[in-house]
Amino acid sequence: MPDQEKIEPGKFADTAAQKILDLTEKTRAVRKIRNSQILTAIFGTIGFAMFISGMNQLLTSIPPLMSLVFGTVLMIIAGVFIQKLTK
């Protein structure tokens, strides 16, 4: 193992992500998709819809009162985040 480079523990995720990006960005199809705002918007919209659908399926097992409490807590957290963004 003397050929392997030493990676700091805190930088491991960054290094791995950069290597994956370097590997995938070399293909022509990935570069074409990344340069197209329309395709990016479509992929983002489909991903968001799939996320919402998954959350809907996950939350159907929660009783209605708990759902109201959970939703209220999430709205409070979102409000705090928005206040921090505007400061």
Protein backbone atom coordinates (compact mmCIF):
# COMPACT_ATOMS: atom_id res chain seq x y z
CA MET A 1 0.00 0.00 0.00
CA PRO A 2 2.86 2.47 -0.34
CA ASP A 3 1.42 3.81 -3.66
CA GLN A 4 -1.84 5.01 -2.09
CA GLU A 5 -2.03 8.68 -1.20
CA LYS A 6 -2.79 9.64 2.38
CA ILE A 7 -6.11 11.40 2.83
CA GLU A 8 -7.02 13.36 5.92
CA PRO A 9 -10.16 11.97 7.61
CA GLY A 10 -12.03 15.27 7.25
CA LYS A 11 -11.26 15.53 3.54
CA PHE A 12 -12.26 11.97 2.60
CA ALA A 13 -15.82 12.82 1.51
CA ASP A 14 -14.66 15.87 -0.46
CA THR A 15 -11.97 13.86 -2.21
CA ALA A 16 -14.36 11.01 -3.04
CA ALA A 17 -16.98 13.41 -4.40
CA GLN A 18 -14.40 15.21 -6.54
CA LYS A 19 -13.14 11.91 -7.99
CA ILE A 20 -16.71 10.89 -8.89
CA LEU A 21 -17.33 14.28 -10.52
CA ASP A 22 -14.08 14.05 -12.48
CA LEU A 23 -15.03 10.58 -13.68
CA THR A 24 -18.59 11.43 -14.74
CA GLU A 25 -17.89 14.86 -16.26
CA LYS A 26 -15.65 13.33 -18.89
CA THR A 27 -18.62 11.80 -20.71
CA ARG A 28 -20.26 13.86 -23.42
CA ALA A 29 -23.82 13.09 -22.28
CA VAL A 30 -23.21 14.39 -18.75
CA ARG A 31 -21.63 17.61 -20.05
CA LYS A 32 -24.57 18.14 -22.41
CA ILE A 33 -27.12 17.68 -19.61
CA ARG A 34 -25.21 19.97 -17.23
CA ASN A 35 -25.10 22.71 -19.85
CA SER A 36 -28.84 22.51 -20.55
CA GLN A 37 -30.96 24.47 -18.08
CA ILE A 38 -34.15 22.87 -19.41
CA LEU A 39 -32.93 19.30 -18.84
CA THR A 40 -31.61 20.27 -15.43
CA ALA A 41 -35.00 21.75 -14.52
CA ILE A 42 -36.78 18.62 -15.74
CA PHE A 43 -34.51 16.31 -13.74
CA GLY A 44 -34.85 18.54 -10.68
CA THR A 45 -38.64 18.63 -10.98
CA ILE A 46 -38.89 14.86 -11.37
CA GLY A 47 -36.56 14.34 -8.41
CA PHE A 48 -38.59 16.74 -6.26
CA ALA A 49 -41.85 15.02 -7.25
CA MET A 50 -40.40 11.63 -6.35
CA PHE A 51 -39.22 13.02 -3.02
CA ILE A 52 -42.69 14.45 -2.24
CA SER A 53 -44.33 11.18 -3.26
CA GLY A 54 -42.02 9.26 -0.92
CA MET A 55 -42.73 11.66 1.94
CA ASN A 56 -46.48 11.29 1.31
CA GLN A 57 -46.21 7.50 1.53
CA LEU A 58 -44.08 7.77 4.65
CA LEU A 59 -46.45 10.15 6.44
CA THR A 60 -49.69 8.26 5.69
CA SER A 61 -49.07 6.04 8.69
CA ILE A 62 -48.93 9.05 11.10
CA PRO A 63 -52.21 9.96 12.88
CA PRO A 64 -53.79 13.30 11.79
CA LEU A 65 -53.05 15.13 15.05
CA MET A 66 -49.39 14.15 14.94
CA SER A 67 -49.28 15.24 11.31
CA LEU A 68 -50.57 18.70 12.29
CA VAL A 69 -47.98 19.00 15.07
CA PHE A 70 -45.20 17.78 12.79
CA GLY A 71 -46.23 20.20 10.04
CA THR A 72 -46.34 23.11 12.50
CA VAL A 73 -42.86 22.29 13.78
CA LEU A 74 -41.53 22.10 10.22
CA MET A 75 -43.07 25.50 9.39
CA ILE A 76 -41.48 27.04 12.50
CA ILE A 77 -38.09 25.63 11.50
CA ALA A 78 -38.54 26.97 7.95
CA GLY A 79 -39.42 30.40 9.36
CA VAL A 80 -36.25 30.42 11.46
CA PHE A 81 -34.19 29.50 8.41
CA ILE A 82 -35.81 32.29 6.36
CA GLN A 83 -35.09 34.83 9.11
CA LYS A 84 -31.43 33.77 9.16
CA LEU A 85 -31.24 34.18 5.36
CA THR A 86 -32.58 37.72 5.49
CA LYS A 87 -30.13 38.91 8.16
